[in-house]
Amino acid sequence: MTDTDNPTTPSRRWLLLGLGVLLIHAAALYLPGSPNPAQPAGWDKAVHVALFGVPSALTVMHGSWVRRWGPPALVVHAVVSEVIQAAWIPHRSGDSLDALADIVGVALGWYIGGWLSGTTVGAAVVTGSARDSGEVPRG
């Protein structure tokens, strides 16, 4: 049995975690809404930040081509999802502030994912000692 056949290898676990997050993400964005949603003020925006921040962080932490293209793809998806909600999903509306919250979530996820994995996207690797001291290498 090779490492790729073992469902407990790190890459397989990341894949399964990512798929689970994307299922929750899709359900939250594309299921019909309630005609009378009862949510505290600002709750909707916090949910949007989390719905896009978690997948963004996971893509940055995953590595390879996913690190570079995952967050930009999520930004496009943020805008497209609001159009889809406005046009085709009952009791949902497209909202530019929701799209903005989504994009803030992508940016936060990109930053947090890079910090947790010790890397930055498209820039120099941030080593543990530099990250802990607050120094960012130039280059």
Protein backbone atom coordinates (compact mmCIF):
# COMPACT_ATOMS: atom_id res chain seq x y z
CA MET A 1 0.00 0.00 0.00
CA THR A 2 1.42 3.38 -0.99
CA ASP A 3 0.90 6.67 0.84
CA THR A 4 -1.66 7.75 -1.75
CA ASP A 5 -3.74 4.63 -1.06
CA ASN A 6 -3.90 5.36 2.67
CA PRO A 7 -6.88 7.58 3.57
CA THR A 8 -5.02 8.90 6.60
CA THR A 9 -2.19 10.56 4.68
CA PRO A 10 -2.02 14.34 5.20
CA SER A 11 -2.92 15.18 1.59
CA ARG A 12 -5.95 12.90 1.69
CA ARG A 13 -7.09 14.44 4.98
CA TRP A 14 -6.70 17.96 3.52
CA LEU A 15 -8.72 16.90 0.51
CA LEU A 16 -11.53 15.46 2.65
CA LEU A 17 -11.54 18.52 4.93
CA GLY A 18 -11.64 20.80 1.89
CA LEU A 19 -14.53 18.90 0.33
CA GLY A 20 -16.48 19.05 3.59
CA VAL A 21 -15.90 22.80 3.86
CA LEU A 22 -17.00 23.31 0.25
CA LEU A 23 -20.21 21.33 0.85
CA ILE A 24 -21.08 23.55 3.83
CA HIS A 25 -20.08 26.60 1.77
CA ALA A 26 -22.36 25.62 -1.13
CA ALA A 27 -25.29 24.76 1.13
CA ALA A 28 -25.07 28.07 2.98
CA LEU A 29 -24.89 30.07 -0.24
CA TYR A 30 -27.30 28.24 -2.50
CA LEU A 31 -30.11 26.79 -0.40
CA PRO A 32 -33.31 28.87 -0.42
CA GLY A 33 -33.49 31.48 2.30
CA SER A 34 -36.20 32.05 4.87
CA PRO A 35 -38.96 34.54 4.02
CA ASN A 36 -38.53 36.13 7.47
CA PRO A 37 -34.94 35.63 8.61
CA ALA A 38 -34.46 36.43 12.30
CA GLN A 39 -30.76 37.21 12.72
CA PRO A 40 -28.93 39.69 14.90
CA ALA A 41 -27.59 42.76 13.09
CA GLY A 42 -24.30 42.04 11.35
CA TRP A 43 -24.62 38.28 11.69
CA ASP A 44 -25.08 37.84 7.94
CA LYS A 45 -21.83 39.67 7.17
CA ALA A 46 -19.89 37.65 9.76
CA VAL A 47 -21.19 34.44 8.17
CA HIS A 48 -20.09 35.66 4.74
CA VAL A 49 -16.59 36.45 6.04
CA ALA A 50 -16.32 32.95 7.54
CA LEU A 51 -17.82 31.19 4.50
CA PHE A 52 -15.13 32.64 2.27
CA GLY A 53 -12.31 32.96 4.82
CA VAL A 54 -12.10 29.29 5.79
CA PRO A 55 -11.83 27.95 2.22
CA SER A 56 -9.32 30.69 1.38
CA ALA A 57 -7.12 29.76 4.35
CA LEU A 58 -7.33 26.07 3.45
CA THR A 59 -6.31 26.70 -0.16
CA VAL A 60 -3.28 28.72 0.94
CA MET A 61 -2.31 26.04 3.46
CA HIS A 62 -2.74 23.27 0.88
CA GLY A 63 0.05 24.44 -1.37
CA SER A 64 0.83 23.83 -5.04
CA TRP A 65 -1.26 25.55 -7.72
CA VAL A 66 -4.21 25.66 -5.31
CA ARG A 67 -2.37 28.20 -3.14
CA ARG A 68 -2.01 30.63 -6.03
CA TRP A 69 -5.41 30.20 -7.74
CA GLY A 70 -7.79 29.29 -4.90
CA PRO A 71 -8.24 32.74 -3.33
CA PRO A 72 -8.64 34.59 -6.67
CA ALA A 73 -11.19 31.98 -7.74
CA LEU A 74 -13.05 32.58 -4.47
CA VAL A 75 -13.19 36.33 -5.20
CA VAL A 76 -14.81 35.61 -8.57
CA HIS A 77 -17.16 33.14 -6.87
CA ALA A 78 -18.12 35.80 -4.29
CA VAL A 79 -19.48 38.09 -6.99
CA VAL A 80 -21.06 35.30 -9.05
CA SER A 81 -22.79 33.81 -5.99
CA GLU A 82 -24.51 37.12 -5.25
CA VAL A 83 -25.78 37.32 -8.84
CA ILE A 84 -27.06 33.74 -8.64
CA GLN A 85 -28.78 34.41 -5.31
CA ALA A 86 -30.49 37.51 -6.69
CA ALA A 87 -31.64 35.87 -9.91
CA TRP A 88 -32.59 32.31 -9.06
CA ILE A 89 -32.77 31.44 -5.35
CA PRO A 90 -36.05 32.00 -3.50
CA HIS A 91 -35.93 34.38 -0.52
CA ARG A 92 -32.32 35.34 -1.29
CA SER A 93 -31.07 38.64 -2.64
CA GLY A 94 -27.84 39.70 -4.24
CA ASP A 95 -26.14 42.26 -2.04
CA SER A 96 -22.97 44.17 -2.86
CA LEU A 97 -22.17 44.39 0.87
CA ASP A 98 -22.36 40.59 1.08
CA ALA A 99 -19.92 40.38 -1.84
CA LEU A 100 -17.64 42.83 -0.03
CA ALA A 101 -17.82 40.71 3.15
CA ASP A 102 -16.98 37.65 1.03
CA ILE A 103 -13.91 39.38 -0.41
CA VAL A 104 -12.82 40.51 3.07
CA GLY A 105 -13.14 36.87 4.14
CA VAL A 106 -10.96 35.73 1.22
CA ALA A 107 -8.30 38.31 2.13
CA LEU A 108 -8.34 37.37 5.83
CA GLY A 109 -8.22 33.67 4.97
CA TRP A 110 -5.34 34.27 2.57
CA TYR A 111 -3.39 36.11 5.28
CA ILE A 112 -4.22 33.66 8.10
CA GLY A 113 -3.56 30.61 5.92
CA GLY A 114 -0.19 32.04 4.92
CA TRP A 115 0.67 32.86 8.51
CA LEU A 116 -0.34 29.40 9.78
CA SER A 117 1.60 27.61 7.04
CA GLY A 118 4.61 29.92 7.30
CA THR A 119 4.29 31.20 3.74
CA THR A 120 2.97 34.14 1.84
CA VAL A 121 1.39 33.90 -1.57
CA GLY A 122 3.58 35.11 -4.40
CA ALA A 123 6.29 36.36 -2.03
CA ALA A 124 9.14 35.11 0.08
CA VAL A 125 8.63 32.34 2.60
CA VAL A 126 8.12 33.70 6.10
CA THR A 127 10.14 31.55 8.47
CA GLY A 128 8.90 30.67 11.92
CA SER A 129 11.41 32.94 13.68
CA ALA A 130 10.65 35.87 11.38
CA ARG A 131 6.92 35.28 11.75
CA ASP A 132 7.16 35.11 15.53
CA SER A 133 9.31 38.24 15.80
CA GLY A 134 7.14 40.21 13.40
CA GLU A 135 9.96 40.59 10.87
CA VAL A 136 9.11 39.91 7.26
CA PRO A 137 12.02 38.98 4.98
CA ARG A 138 12.63 41.23 2.00
CA GLY A 139 13.12 39.77 -1.39
